[in-house]
Amino acid sequence: MEGVSVRKIKKICVFCGANSGKDVAFVNAAFHLGEVLGKRKIDLVYGGGKLGLMGCVSTAVAQHERQVLGIIPSAFTINNLVGETCGKEIKVATMQERLVMMMELSDAFIALPGGFGTLEELFQMISWAQLNIHNKPIGVLNINGFFNGLLSFVDHAVKQEFITPRARKILISATIADELVDKLQAFRFESDPALSKLKWSPSSSQKEKLDLTLRL
């Protein structure tokens, strides 16, 4: 990365499945990502619990003595539904509050293979970046081509002029964890001149949070 300015990333939020998936490569990649974060002295923010890939990546980060923060809706903690969080845990009331807190406490975002919840989190972060709510890098770790179809669809939406080429640059991808983290560190946000004029006011809650009621 010679000649490229590098942003300081101290905490990365990882979105991924509460299942392990069909391919053992997903589990191996989740553990490896956790190891990479640990070795780079990067802390983890994630959805809490110990199930599936979420448990794999959080365990690996903790084993390298980095901080792990699980942000989890209180409903998931009833009857120990998702297992014990590997590290500190913050309970929230709603899924939306969880995602807002993840955005506020993280410097970058990575999606591993997962289902609808993972995809919702990923695209919510992308749309918030497009709306200039945040300017943090977002990437997918494309293990064994898992995200090939999604990336092709996004490129198709660009060709059909529903996503601008500028907005397409928000979503980064790589097949290797170290390469993806390098790309996140090198990312330079390029806001849309029109959307950059949007003003997002703090809410009146005790802890000032962004008003994110506008969604794409």
C-alpha atoms as a PDB file:
ATOM      1  CA  MET A   1       0.000   0.000   0.000  1.00  0.00           C
ATOM      2  CA  GLU A   2       2.939   2.272  -0.645  1.00  0.00           C
ATOM      3  CA  GLY A   3       1.922   5.814  -1.478  1.00  0.00           C
ATOM      4  CA  VAL A   4      -1.640   5.312  -0.201  1.00  0.00           C
ATOM      5  CA  SER A   5      -2.819   7.146   2.906  1.00  0.00           C
ATOM      6  CA  VAL A   6      -4.301   4.776   5.462  1.00  0.00           C
ATOM      7  CA  ARG A   7      -7.235   5.533   7.745  1.00  0.00           C
ATOM      8  CA  LYS A   8      -6.976   4.446  11.362  1.00  0.00           C
ATOM      9  CA  ILE A   9      -9.356   1.585  12.075  1.00  0.00           C
ATOM     10  CA  LYS A  10      -9.649   0.582  15.721  1.00  0.00           C
ATOM     11  CA  LYS A  11     -13.010  -1.222  15.686  1.00  0.00           C
ATOM     12  CA  ILE A  12     -14.639  -3.216  12.909  1.00  0.00           C
ATOM     13  CA  CYS A  13     -18.262  -4.338  13.008  1.00  0.00           C
ATOM     14  CA  VAL A  14     -18.797  -7.759  11.457  1.00  0.00           C
ATOM     15  CA  PHE A  15     -22.183  -8.834  10.103  1.00  0.00           C
ATOM     16  CA  CYS A  16     -22.585 -12.573   9.536  1.00  0.00           C
ATOM     17  CA  GLY A  17     -24.816 -15.580   9.938  1.00  0.00           C
ATOM     18  CA  ALA A  18     -25.968 -17.110  13.208  1.00  0.00           C
ATOM     19  CA  ASN A  19     -25.622 -20.375  11.278  1.00  0.00           C
ATOM     20  CA  SER A  20     -22.362 -21.921  10.094  1.00  0.00           C
ATOM     21  CA  GLY A  21     -23.500 -22.529   6.521  1.00  0.00           C
ATOM     22  CA  LYS A  22     -23.041 -25.562   4.310  1.00  0.00           C
ATOM     23  CA  ASP A  23     -19.389 -25.020   3.374  1.00  0.00           C
ATOM     24  CA  VAL A  24     -16.763 -25.516   6.100  1.00  0.00           C
ATOM     25  CA  ALA A  25     -14.789 -22.779   4.331  1.00  0.00           C
ATOM     26  CA  PHE A  26     -17.208 -20.241   5.830  1.00  0.00           C
ATOM     27  CA  VAL A  27     -16.310 -21.330   9.372  1.00  0.00           C
ATOM     28  CA  ASN A  28     -12.594 -21.350   8.588  1.00  0.00           C
ATOM     29  CA  ALA A  29     -12.807 -17.885   7.041  1.00  0.00           C
ATOM     30  CA  ALA A  30     -14.704 -16.507  10.056  1.00  0.00           C
ATOM     31  CA  PHE A  31     -12.033 -17.799  12.432  1.00  0.00           C
ATOM     32  CA  HIS A  32      -9.315 -16.462  10.133  1.00  0.00           C
ATOM     33  CA  LEU A  33     -10.926 -13.024   9.964  1.00  0.00           C
ATOM     34  CA  GLY A  34     -10.991 -12.940  13.761  1.00  0.00           C
ATOM     35  CA  GLU A  35      -7.307 -13.861  13.819  1.00  0.00           C
ATOM     36  CA  VAL A  36      -6.493 -11.113  11.311  1.00  0.00           C
ATOM     37  CA  LEU A  37      -8.347  -8.524  13.383  1.00  0.00           C
ATOM     38  CA  GLY A  38      -6.591  -9.703  16.522  1.00  0.00           C
ATOM     39  CA  LYS A  39      -3.128  -9.591  14.987  1.00  0.00           C
ATOM     40  CA  ARG A  40      -3.823  -6.094  13.624  1.00  0.00           C
ATOM     41  CA  LYS A  41      -4.981  -4.985  17.096  1.00  0.00           C
ATOM     42  CA  ILE A  42      -8.487  -4.239  15.857  1.00  0.00           C
ATOM     43  CA  ASP A  43     -11.423  -4.717  18.238  1.00  0.00           C
ATOM     44  CA  LEU A  44     -14.711  -6.354  17.235  1.00  0.00           C
ATOM     45  CA  VAL A  45     -18.279  -5.100  17.325  1.00  0.00           C
ATOM     46  CA  TYR A  46     -20.909  -7.697  16.385  1.00  0.00           C
ATOM     47  CA  GLY A  47     -24.466  -8.839  17.039  1.00  0.00           C
ATOM     48  CA  GLY A  48     -23.737 -10.828  20.205  1.00  0.00           C
ATOM     49  CA  GLY A  49     -24.120 -14.467  21.151  1.00  0.00           C
ATOM     50  CA  LYS A  50     -22.010 -17.434  20.112  1.00  0.00           C
ATOM     51  CA  LEU A  51     -23.990 -19.088  17.314  1.00  0.00           C
ATOM     52  CA  GLY A  52     -22.664 -19.855  13.835  1.00  0.00           C
ATOM     53  CA  LEU A  53     -20.160 -17.575  12.161  1.00  0.00           C
ATOM     54  CA  MET A  54     -20.855 -14.899  14.788  1.00  0.00           C
ATOM     55  CA  GLY A  55     -19.441 -17.199  17.438  1.00  0.00           C
ATOM     56  CA  CYS A  56     -16.452 -18.131  15.278  1.00  0.00           C
ATOM     57  CA  VAL A  57     -15.240 -14.609  14.590  1.00  0.00           C
ATOM     58  CA  SER A  58     -15.864 -13.353  18.140  1.00  0.00           C
ATOM     59  CA  THR A  59     -14.054 -16.308  19.695  1.00  0.00           C
ATOM     60  CA  ALA A  60     -11.010 -15.794  17.461  1.00  0.00           C
ATOM     61  CA  VAL A  61     -10.810 -12.078  18.263  1.00  0.00           C
ATOM     62  CA  ALA A  62     -11.092 -12.758  22.001  1.00  0.00           C
ATOM     63  CA  GLN A  63      -8.372 -15.422  21.802  1.00  0.00           C
ATOM     64  CA  HIS A  64      -6.030 -12.712  20.498  1.00  0.00           C
ATOM     65  CA  GLU A  65      -6.883 -10.586  23.550  1.00  0.00           C
ATOM     66  CA  ARG A  66      -8.757  -7.890  21.675  1.00  0.00           C
ATOM     67  CA  GLN A  67     -11.992  -6.353  22.926  1.00  0.00           C
ATOM     68  CA  VAL A  68     -15.252  -7.913  21.775  1.00  0.00           C
ATOM     69  CA  LEU A  69     -18.530  -6.012  22.057  1.00  0.00           C
ATOM     70  CA  GLY A  70     -21.835  -7.732  21.356  1.00  0.00           C
ATOM     71  CA  ILE A  71     -24.867  -5.503  20.771  1.00  0.00           C
ATOM     72  CA  ILE A  72     -27.975  -7.602  21.138  1.00  0.00           C
ATOM     73  CA  PRO A  73     -31.737  -7.017  21.337  1.00  0.00           C
ATOM     74  CA  SER A  74     -33.083  -7.999  24.754  1.00  0.00           C
ATOM     75  CA  ALA A  75     -35.587 -10.352  23.105  1.00  0.00           C
ATOM     76  CA  PHE A  76     -32.708 -12.566  21.950  1.00  0.00           C
ATOM     77  CA  THR A  77     -31.410 -13.008  25.501  1.00  0.00           C
ATOM     78  CA  ILE A  78     -34.585 -14.647  26.783  1.00  0.00           C
ATOM     79  CA  ASN A  79     -34.040 -18.355  27.461  1.00  0.00           C
ATOM     80  CA  ASN A  80     -30.429 -17.931  26.298  1.00  0.00           C
ATOM     81  CA  LEU A  81     -31.597 -18.060  22.675  1.00  0.00           C
ATOM     82  CA  VAL A  82     -28.268 -17.137  21.049  1.00  0.00           C
ATOM     83  CA  GLY A  83     -25.792 -18.239  23.711  1.00  0.00           C
ATOM     84  CA  GLU A  84     -23.346 -16.247  25.786  1.00  0.00           C
ATOM     85  CA  THR A  85     -21.637 -13.278  24.174  1.00  0.00           C
ATOM     86  CA  CYS A  86     -17.868 -13.589  23.963  1.00  0.00           C
ATOM     87  CA  GLY A  87     -16.921 -10.319  25.653  1.00  0.00           C
ATOM     88  CA  LYS A  88     -18.860  -7.261  26.774  1.00  0.00           C
ATOM     89  CA  GLU A  89     -22.559  -7.138  25.944  1.00  0.00           C
ATOM     90  CA  ILE A  90     -24.929  -4.209  25.470  1.00  0.00           C
ATOM     91  CA  LYS A  91     -28.654  -4.964  25.405  1.00  0.00           C
ATOM     92  CA  VAL A  92     -30.952  -2.776  23.311  1.00  0.00           C
ATOM     93  CA  ALA A  93     -34.695  -2.657  22.809  1.00  0.00           C
ATOM     94  CA  THR A  94     -34.969  -2.890  19.015  1.00  0.00           C
ATOM     95  CA  MET A  95     -33.126  -4.098  15.935  1.00  0.00           C
ATOM     96  CA  GLN A  96     -32.917  -0.512  14.654  1.00  0.00           C
ATOM     97  CA  GLU A  97     -31.339   0.702  17.886  1.00  0.00           C
ATOM     98  CA  ARG A  98     -28.831  -2.126  17.582  1.00  0.00           C
ATOM     99  CA  LEU A  99     -27.806  -1.100  14.078  1.00  0.00           C
ATOM    100  CA  VAL A 100     -27.520   2.586  14.973  1.00  0.00           C
ATOM    101  CA  MET A 101     -25.248   1.725  17.893  1.00  0.00           C
ATOM    102  CA  MET A 102     -23.146  -0.535  15.674  1.00  0.00           C
ATOM    103  CA  MET A 103     -22.696   2.345  13.253  1.00  0.00           C
ATOM    104  CA  GLU A 104     -21.765   4.813  15.977  1.00  0.00           C
ATOM    105  CA  LEU A 105     -19.240   2.546  17.717  1.00  0.00           C
ATOM    106  CA  SER A 106     -17.444   1.128  14.646  1.00  0.00           C
ATOM    107  CA  ASP A 107     -14.851   2.502  12.242  1.00  0.00           C
ATOM    108  CA  ALA A 108     -15.639   0.082   9.402  1.00  0.00           C
ATOM    109  CA  PHE A 109     -17.933  -2.813   8.488  1.00  0.00           C
ATOM    110  CA  ILE A 110     -17.382  -6.300   7.081  1.00  0.00           C
ATOM    111  CA  ALA A 111     -20.030  -8.778   5.979  1.00  0.00           C
ATOM    112  CA  LEU A 112     -19.352 -12.515   5.999  1.00  0.00           C
ATOM    113  CA  PRO A 113     -21.808 -15.043   4.559  1.00  0.00           C
ATOM    114  CA  GLY A 114     -25.221 -14.890   6.164  1.00  0.00           C
ATOM    115  CA  GLY A 115     -28.940 -14.687   5.536  1.00  0.00           C
ATOM    116  CA  PHE A 116     -31.584 -11.972   5.392  1.00  0.00           C
ATOM    117  CA  GLY A 117     -30.436 -10.320   8.619  1.00  0.00           C
ATOM    118  CA  THR A 118     -26.856 -10.039   7.392  1.00  0.00           C
ATOM    119  CA  LEU A 119     -27.994  -8.628   4.057  1.00  0.00           C
ATOM    120  CA  GLU A 120     -30.293  -6.120   5.743  1.00  0.00           C
ATOM    121  CA  GLU A 121     -27.449  -4.886   7.957  1.00  0.00           C
ATOM    122  CA  LEU A 122     -25.061  -4.655   5.015  1.00  0.00           C
ATOM    123  CA  PHE A 123     -27.417  -2.710   2.765  1.00  0.00           C
ATOM    124  CA  GLN A 124     -28.615  -0.473   5.582  1.00  0.00           C
ATOM    125  CA  MET A 125     -25.031   0.621   6.156  1.00  0.00           C
ATOM    126  CA  ILE A 126     -24.541   1.154   2.419  1.00  0.00           C
ATOM    127  CA  SER A 127     -27.705   3.252   2.090  1.00  0.00           C
ATOM    128  CA  TRP A 128     -26.743   5.327   5.143  1.00  0.00           C
ATOM    129  CA  ALA A 129     -23.337   5.970   3.586  1.00  0.00           C
ATOM    130  CA  GLN A 130     -25.034   6.976   0.330  1.00  0.00           C
ATOM    131  CA  LEU A 131     -27.220   9.390   2.323  1.00  0.00           C
ATOM    132  CA  ASN A 132     -24.091  10.868   3.939  1.00  0.00           C
ATOM    133  CA  ILE A 133     -25.135   9.701   7.411  1.00  0.00           C
ATOM    134  CA  HIS A 134     -21.684   8.173   7.827  1.00  0.00           C
ATOM    135  CA  ASN A 135     -18.531   7.912   5.717  1.00  0.00           C
ATOM    136  CA  LYS A 136     -17.113   4.633   7.017  1.00  0.00           C
ATOM    137  CA  PRO A 137     -15.847   1.851   4.709  1.00  0.00           C
ATOM    138  CA  ILE A 138     -17.977  -1.224   4.051  1.00  0.00           C
ATOM    139  CA  GLY A 139     -16.774  -4.520   2.585  1.00  0.00           C
ATOM    140  CA  VAL A 140     -17.801  -8.100   1.947  1.00  0.00           C
ATOM    141  CA  LEU A 141     -15.471 -11.058   2.388  1.00  0.00           C
ATOM    142  CA  ASN A 142     -16.367 -13.069  -0.705  1.00  0.00           C
ATOM    143  CA  ILE A 143     -15.586 -16.595   0.460  1.00  0.00           C
ATOM    144  CA  ASN A 144     -15.791 -19.232  -2.270  1.00  0.00           C
ATOM    145  CA  GLY A 145     -17.838 -16.861  -4.410  1.00  0.00           C
ATOM    146  CA  PHE A 146     -20.653 -16.552  -1.848  1.00  0.00           C
ATOM    147  CA  PHE A 147     -21.316 -12.914  -2.768  1.00  0.00           C
ATOM    148  CA  ASN A 148     -20.778 -13.288  -6.532  1.00  0.00           C
ATOM    149  CA  GLY A 149     -24.493 -13.128  -7.268  1.00  0.00           C
ATOM    150  CA  LEU A 150     -25.016 -10.132  -5.014  1.00  0.00           C
ATOM    151  CA  LEU A 151     -22.109  -8.220  -6.545  1.00  0.00           C
ATOM    152  CA  SER A 152     -23.370  -9.036 -10.038  1.00  0.00           C
ATOM    153  CA  PHE A 153     -26.829  -7.776  -9.112  1.00  0.00           C
ATOM    154  CA  VAL A 154     -25.383  -4.504  -7.773  1.00  0.00           C
ATOM    155  CA  ASP A 155     -23.423  -4.046 -11.009  1.00  0.00           C
ATOM    156  CA  HIS A 156     -26.627  -4.779 -12.949  1.00  0.00           C
ATOM    157  CA  ALA A 157     -28.423  -2.071 -10.970  1.00  0.00           C
ATOM    158  CA  VAL A 158     -25.631   0.333 -11.932  1.00  0.00           C
ATOM    159  CA  LYS A 159     -26.073  -0.535 -15.622  1.00  0.00           C
ATOM    160  CA  GLN A 160     -29.815   0.045 -15.277  1.00  0.00           C
ATOM    161  CA  GLU A 161     -29.070   3.434 -13.676  1.00  0.00           C
ATOM    162  CA  PHE A 162     -30.654   2.729 -10.287  1.00  0.00           C
ATOM    163  CA  ILE A 163     -27.271   2.904  -8.541  1.00  0.00           C
ATOM    164  CA  THR A 164     -24.754   5.544  -9.549  1.00  0.00           C
ATOM    165  CA  PRO A 165     -21.127   4.596 -10.284  1.00  0.00           C
ATOM    166  CA  ARG A 166     -20.181   6.868  -7.376  1.00  0.00           C
ATOM    167  CA  ALA A 167     -22.459   4.980  -4.985  1.00  0.00           C
ATOM    168  CA  ARG A 168     -21.198   1.617  -6.288  1.00  0.00           C
ATOM    169  CA  LYS A 169     -17.756   2.465  -4.912  1.00  0.00           C
ATOM    170  CA  ILE A 170     -19.187   2.337  -1.385  1.00  0.00           C
ATOM    171  CA  LEU A 171     -19.254  -1.478  -1.453  1.00  0.00           C
ATOM    172  CA  ILE A 172     -15.787  -3.029  -1.320  1.00  0.00           C
ATOM    173  CA  SER A 173     -15.048  -6.730  -1.808  1.00  0.00           C
ATOM    174  CA  ALA A 174     -12.130  -9.106  -1.470  1.00  0.00           C
ATOM    175  CA  THR A 175     -11.595 -12.852  -1.142  1.00  0.00           C
ATOM    176  CA  ILE A 176      -8.863 -12.665   1.518  1.00  0.00           C
ATOM    177  CA  ALA A 177      -9.286 -11.091   4.955  1.00  0.00           C
ATOM    178  CA  ASP A 178      -5.985  -9.210   4.988  1.00  0.00           C
ATOM    179  CA  GLU A 179      -6.674  -7.781   1.533  1.00  0.00           C
ATOM    180  CA  LEU A 180     -10.150  -6.640   2.580  1.00  0.00           C
ATOM    181  CA  VAL A 181      -8.863  -4.872   5.694  1.00  0.00           C
ATOM    182  CA  ASP A 182      -6.195  -3.180   3.566  1.00  0.00           C
ATOM    183  CA  LYS A 183      -8.906  -1.953   1.192  1.00  0.00           C
ATOM    184  CA  LEU A 184     -11.008  -0.659   4.086  1.00  0.00           C
ATOM    185  CA  GLN A 185      -8.029   1.266   5.416  1.00  0.00           C
ATOM    186  CA  ALA A 186      -7.335   2.777   1.984  1.00  0.00           C
ATOM    187  CA  PHE A 187     -10.980   3.704   1.323  1.00  0.00           C
ATOM    188  CA  ARG A 188     -11.742   7.338   0.572  1.00  0.00           C
ATOM    189  CA  PHE A 189     -15.384   8.336   0.813  1.00  0.00           C
ATOM    190  CA  GLU A 190     -16.758  10.243  -2.173  1.00  0.00           C
ATOM    191  CA  SER A 191     -20.109  11.772  -1.285  1.00  0.00           C
ATOM    192  CA  ASP A 192     -22.784  12.690  -3.779  1.00  0.00           C
ATOM    193  CA  PRO A 193     -22.835  16.518  -4.009  1.00  0.00           C
ATOM    194  CA  ALA A 194     -26.629  16.598  -3.788  1.00  0.00           C
ATOM    195  CA  LEU A 195     -26.965  14.154  -0.904  1.00  0.00           C
ATOM    196  CA  SER A 196     -24.081  15.773   0.984  1.00  0.00           C
ATOM    197  CA  LYS A 197     -26.404  18.737   1.560  1.00  0.00           C
ATOM    198  CA  LEU A 198     -28.716  16.630   3.723  1.00  0.00           C
ATOM    199  CA  LYS A 199     -28.699  17.650   7.376  1.00  0.00           C
ATOM    200  CA  TRP A 200     -29.165  14.938   9.967  1.00  0.00           C
ATOM    201  CA  SER A 201     -30.220  16.347  13.328  1.00  0.00           C
ATOM    202  CA  PRO A 202     -29.717  14.649  16.702  1.00  0.00           C
ATOM    203  CA  SER A 203     -32.843  13.269  18.339  1.00  0.00           C
ATOM    204  CA  SER A 204     -34.093  14.391  21.719  1.00  0.00           C
ATOM    205  CA  SER A 205     -33.159  11.151  23.482  1.00  0.00           C
ATOM    206  CA  GLN A 206     -30.829  11.156  26.496  1.00  0.00           C
ATOM    207  CA  LYS A 207     -27.975   9.898  24.339  1.00  0.00           C
ATOM    208  CA  GLU A 208     -27.934  11.968  21.189  1.00  0.00           C
ATOM    209  CA  LYS A 209     -28.454   9.714  18.203  1.00  0.00           C
ATOM    210  CA  LEU A 210     -28.936  10.444  14.549  1.00  0.00           C
ATOM    211  CA  ASP A 211     -32.469  10.626  13.235  1.00  0.00           C
ATOM    212  CA  LEU A 212     -32.414   7.769  10.755  1.00  0.00           C
ATOM    213  CA  THR A 213     -36.106   7.654   9.904  1.00  0.00           C
ATOM    214  CA  LEU A 214     -35.361   8.301   6.219  1.00  0.00           C
ATOM    215  CA  ARG A 215     -34.515   4.994   4.572  1.00  0.00           C
ATOM    216  CA  LEU A 216     -34.024   3.990   0.954  1.00  0.00           C
END
